[in-house]
């Protein structure tokens, strides 16, 4: 995929997330309402599993990763690690748009709903991890991508099962993070045609 195509894809994903946020901020669409009202989705043992997933795959994990990248780049004077940290931070920062949408959650909770904070953090970490893998261990990129998609899907599902978020909160989070990730990755020289050498850095 050419650089121009990546830019267009990134802009499209950001636009989709923005449009979705505007569309759902005042009233939940039928899909959200039906999923939230579907009782078999919110019964044990699903909720127990969802609680554990939300505990493990949480913003705390992204915080640890960001701090680790910051310390590693400072101690090792490694500009690549620094850029990966910036990428993670920019992707994760998309959660701040929730203060613009101010969408109410499906349950009483003192934080805005769109986009999901958990899904934003995990998607940001997953996207950055795949990019890092492409640089340090390119032969494992496909496996990393599968693990990344699985982690994001599990996190999104757990937030819906626990009624902490509407489904569209999770979809909007993924769209925004990947869109910003593509644009930021291109700007930082981390992704794009011919950017990564064919040799692993391990």
Protein backbone atom coordinates (compact mmCIF):
# COMPACT_ATOMS: atom_id res chain seq x y z
CA UNK A 1 0.00 0.00 0.00
CA UNK A 2 1.43 3.36 -1.03
CA UNK A 3 2.00 6.27 1.34
CA UNK A 4 -0.89 8.15 -0.24
CA UNK A 5 -3.24 5.22 0.32
CA UNK A 6 -2.16 4.97 3.95
CA UNK A 7 -2.84 8.68 4.47
CA UNK A 8 -6.29 8.35 2.90
CA UNK A 9 -7.08 5.29 5.01
CA UNK A 10 -5.96 7.08 8.18
CA UNK A 11 -8.06 10.14 7.37
CA UNK A 12 -11.06 7.96 6.51
CA UNK A 13 -10.87 6.08 9.81
CA UNK A 14 -10.60 9.32 11.80
CA UNK A 15 -13.55 10.73 9.85
CA UNK A 16 -15.61 7.59 10.51
CA UNK A 17 -14.89 7.79 14.24
CA UNK A 18 -15.77 11.50 14.29
CA UNK A 19 -19.00 11.02 12.36
CA UNK A 20 -20.00 8.10 14.55
CA UNK A 21 -19.35 10.14 17.68
CA UNK A 22 -21.56 12.96 16.45
CA UNK A 23 -24.28 10.50 15.41
CA UNK A 24 -24.50 8.62 18.73
CA UNK A 25 -23.74 11.31 21.31
CA UNK A 26 -27.37 12.33 21.92
CA UNK A 27 -29.21 9.06 21.37
CA UNK A 28 -28.10 5.44 21.31
CA UNK A 29 -28.81 3.67 18.00
CA UNK A 30 -30.92 0.51 17.88
CA UNK A 31 -27.88 -1.80 17.80
CA UNK A 32 -26.52 -0.34 21.02
CA UNK A 33 -29.90 -0.53 22.75
CA UNK A 34 -30.51 -4.13 21.71
CA UNK A 35 -27.09 -5.34 22.80
CA UNK A 36 -27.39 -3.58 26.13
CA UNK A 37 -30.86 -5.05 26.71
CA UNK A 38 -29.91 -8.59 25.64
CA UNK A 39 -29.85 -10.28 29.08
CA UNK A 40 -27.96 -13.50 28.14
CA UNK A 41 -25.01 -11.26 27.27
CA UNK A 42 -24.83 -9.84 30.78
CA UNK A 43 -25.17 -12.96 32.93
CA UNK A 44 -22.60 -15.01 34.78
CA UNK A 45 -20.16 -16.54 33.94
CA UNK A 46 -19.74 -14.08 31.05
CA UNK A 47 -19.57 -11.11 33.39
CA UNK A 48 -16.94 -12.81 35.55
CA UNK A 49 -14.76 -13.49 32.51
CA UNK A 50 -15.36 -9.94 31.27
CA UNK A 51 -14.29 -8.51 34.62
CA UNK A 52 -10.98 -10.37 34.44
CA UNK A 53 -10.40 -9.31 30.85
CA UNK A 54 -11.08 -5.68 31.73
CA UNK A 55 -8.72 -5.97 34.70
CA UNK A 56 -5.84 -7.45 32.70
CA UNK A 57 -6.37 -5.55 29.45
CA UNK A 58 -6.74 -2.12 30.97
CA UNK A 59 -5.34 1.40 30.60
CA UNK A 60 -2.87 0.43 33.30
CA UNK A 61 -1.15 -1.88 30.82
CA UNK A 62 -0.72 0.99 28.36
CA UNK A 63 0.61 3.19 31.17
CA UNK A 64 3.29 0.64 32.04
CA UNK A 65 4.24 0.29 28.37
CA UNK A 66 4.46 4.05 27.85
CA UNK A 67 6.62 4.51 30.94
CA UNK A 68 8.80 1.59 29.85
CA UNK A 69 9.33 3.11 26.41
CA UNK A 70 10.15 6.50 27.93
CA UNK A 71 12.73 5.05 30.33
CA UNK A 72 14.23 2.79 27.65
CA UNK A 73 14.59 5.62 25.14
CA UNK A 74 16.18 7.89 27.75
CA UNK A 75 18.64 5.32 29.12
CA UNK A 76 19.53 3.87 25.74
CA UNK A 77 19.38 7.13 23.81
CA UNK A 78 17.34 5.15 21.28
CA UNK A 79 15.38 7.43 18.94
CA UNK A 80 13.36 4.52 17.53
CA UNK A 81 12.07 3.64 20.98
CA UNK A 82 11.31 7.31 21.57
CA UNK A 83 9.26 7.46 18.37
CA UNK A 84 7.37 4.33 19.39
CA UNK A 85 6.56 6.01 22.69
CA UNK A 86 5.29 9.09 20.88
CA UNK A 87 3.16 6.87 18.63
CA UNK A 88 1.63 5.13 21.64
CA UNK A 89 0.95 8.45 23.35
CA UNK A 90 -0.70 10.02 20.30
CA UNK A 91 -2.90 6.98 19.71
CA UNK A 92 -3.94 6.84 23.33
CA UNK A 93 -4.64 10.58 23.43
CA UNK A 94 -7.63 10.05 21.13
CA UNK A 95 -9.61 9.16 24.26
CA UNK A 96 -9.64 12.87 25.14
CA UNK A 97 -12.25 13.56 22.45
CA UNK A 98 -14.81 12.08 24.86
CA UNK A 99 -14.98 15.53 26.46
CA UNK A 100 -16.22 16.90 23.15
CA UNK A 101 -18.91 14.26 22.62
CA UNK A 102 -19.96 13.96 26.28
CA UNK A 103 -21.93 10.80 25.65
CA UNK A 104 -23.68 9.19 28.61
CA UNK A 105 -22.89 5.58 29.45
CA UNK A 106 -25.45 2.76 29.54
CA UNK A 107 -25.01 2.68 33.33
CA UNK A 108 -24.48 5.40 35.90
CA UNK A 109 -20.75 6.15 35.80
CA UNK A 110 -18.88 9.46 36.27
CA UNK A 111 -16.98 9.38 32.97
CA UNK A 112 -18.11 10.02 29.42
CA UNK A 113 -18.75 6.99 27.24
CA UNK A 114 -17.46 7.70 23.72
CA UNK A 115 -14.87 6.46 22.97
CA UNK A 116 -14.15 3.61 25.37
CA UNK A 117 -11.06 4.31 27.46
CA UNK A 118 -10.18 0.63 27.85
CA UNK A 119 -10.50 -0.07 24.13
CA UNK A 120 -8.58 3.09 23.22
CA UNK A 121 -5.68 2.17 25.51
CA UNK A 122 -5.50 -1.48 24.42
CA UNK A 123 -5.83 -0.64 20.72
CA UNK A 124 -3.11 2.02 21.04
CA UNK A 125 -0.82 -0.49 22.74
CA UNK A 126 -1.67 -3.22 20.22
CA UNK A 127 -1.06 -0.96 17.22
CA UNK A 128 2.27 0.23 18.63
CA UNK A 129 3.30 -3.34 19.46
CA UNK A 130 2.70 -4.47 15.87
CA UNK A 131 4.73 -1.54 14.54
CA UNK A 132 7.53 -2.30 17.00
CA UNK A 133 7.48 -5.95 15.98
CA UNK A 134 7.83 -4.91 12.34
CA UNK A 135 11.06 -3.14 13.27
CA UNK A 136 12.58 -5.57 15.78
CA UNK A 137 11.27 -8.99 14.70
CA UNK A 138 9.63 -8.68 11.32
CA UNK A 139 9.04 -12.40 10.88
CA UNK A 140 6.64 -12.31 13.85
CA UNK A 141 4.46 -9.47 12.56
CA UNK A 142 1.57 -11.70 11.53
CA UNK A 143 1.49 -13.44 14.89
CA UNK A 144 1.69 -10.07 16.63
CA UNK A 145 -1.19 -8.76 14.51
CA UNK A 146 -3.36 -11.76 15.39
CA UNK A 147 -2.63 -11.29 19.10
CA UNK A 148 -3.32 -7.56 18.78
CA UNK A 149 -6.69 -8.05 17.10
CA UNK A 150 -7.63 -10.72 19.66
CA UNK A 151 -6.75 -8.45 22.58
CA UNK A 152 -8.74 -5.55 21.15
CA UNK A 153 -11.76 -7.75 20.39
CA UNK A 154 -11.75 -9.27 23.89
CA UNK A 155 -11.45 -5.85 25.51
CA UNK A 156 -14.30 -4.42 23.43
CA UNK A 157 -16.53 -7.42 24.15
CA UNK A 158 -15.80 -7.24 27.89
CA UNK A 159 -16.83 -3.59 28.10
CA UNK A 160 -20.13 -4.32 26.35
CA UNK A 161 -20.82 -7.42 28.49
CA UNK A 162 -20.24 -5.38 31.64
CA UNK A 163 -22.55 -2.63 30.30
CA UNK A 164 -19.75 -0.14 30.85
CA UNK A 165 -19.96 0.97 27.22
CA UNK A 166 -22.19 0.90 24.20
CA UNK A 167 -20.93 -1.18 21.27
CA UNK A 168 -20.40 1.97 19.20
CA UNK A 169 -18.07 3.32 21.92
CA UNK A 170 -15.72 0.44 21.22
CA UNK A 171 -16.01 0.68 17.42
CA UNK A 172 -15.32 4.40 17.50
CA UNK A 173 -12.29 3.88 19.72
CA UNK A 174 -10.72 1.34 17.36
CA UNK A 175 -11.39 3.50 14.30
CA UNK A 176 -9.88 6.61 15.87
CA UNK A 177 -6.77 4.87 17.21
CA UNK A 178 -5.94 3.04 13.99
CA UNK A 179 -6.59 6.18 11.93
CA UNK A 180 -4.39 8.36 14.11
CA UNK A 181 -1.85 5.54 14.37
CA UNK A 182 -1.48 5.37 10.60
CA UNK A 183 -1.09 9.13 10.23
CA UNK A 184 1.27 9.46 13.19
CA UNK A 185 3.26 6.41 12.11
CA UNK A 186 3.79 7.93 8.69
CA UNK A 187 4.78 11.31 10.15
CA UNK A 188 7.22 9.66 12.57
CA UNK A 189 8.77 7.51 9.85
CA UNK A 190 7.67 4.30 11.55
CA UNK A 191 5.44 2.91 8.81
CA UNK A 192 5.16 3.25 5.06
CA UNK A 193 6.64 1.77 1.90
CA UNK A 194 10.38 1.21 2.19
CA UNK A 195 10.59 2.46 5.79
CA UNK A 196 11.43 -0.84 7.48
CA UNK A 197 14.46 -2.80 6.35
CA UNK A 198 14.13 -6.47 5.49
CA UNK A 199 16.37 -7.50 8.37
CA UNK A 200 15.27 -8.10 11.96
CA UNK A 201 16.89 -5.88 14.53
CA UNK A 202 17.02 -8.68 17.08
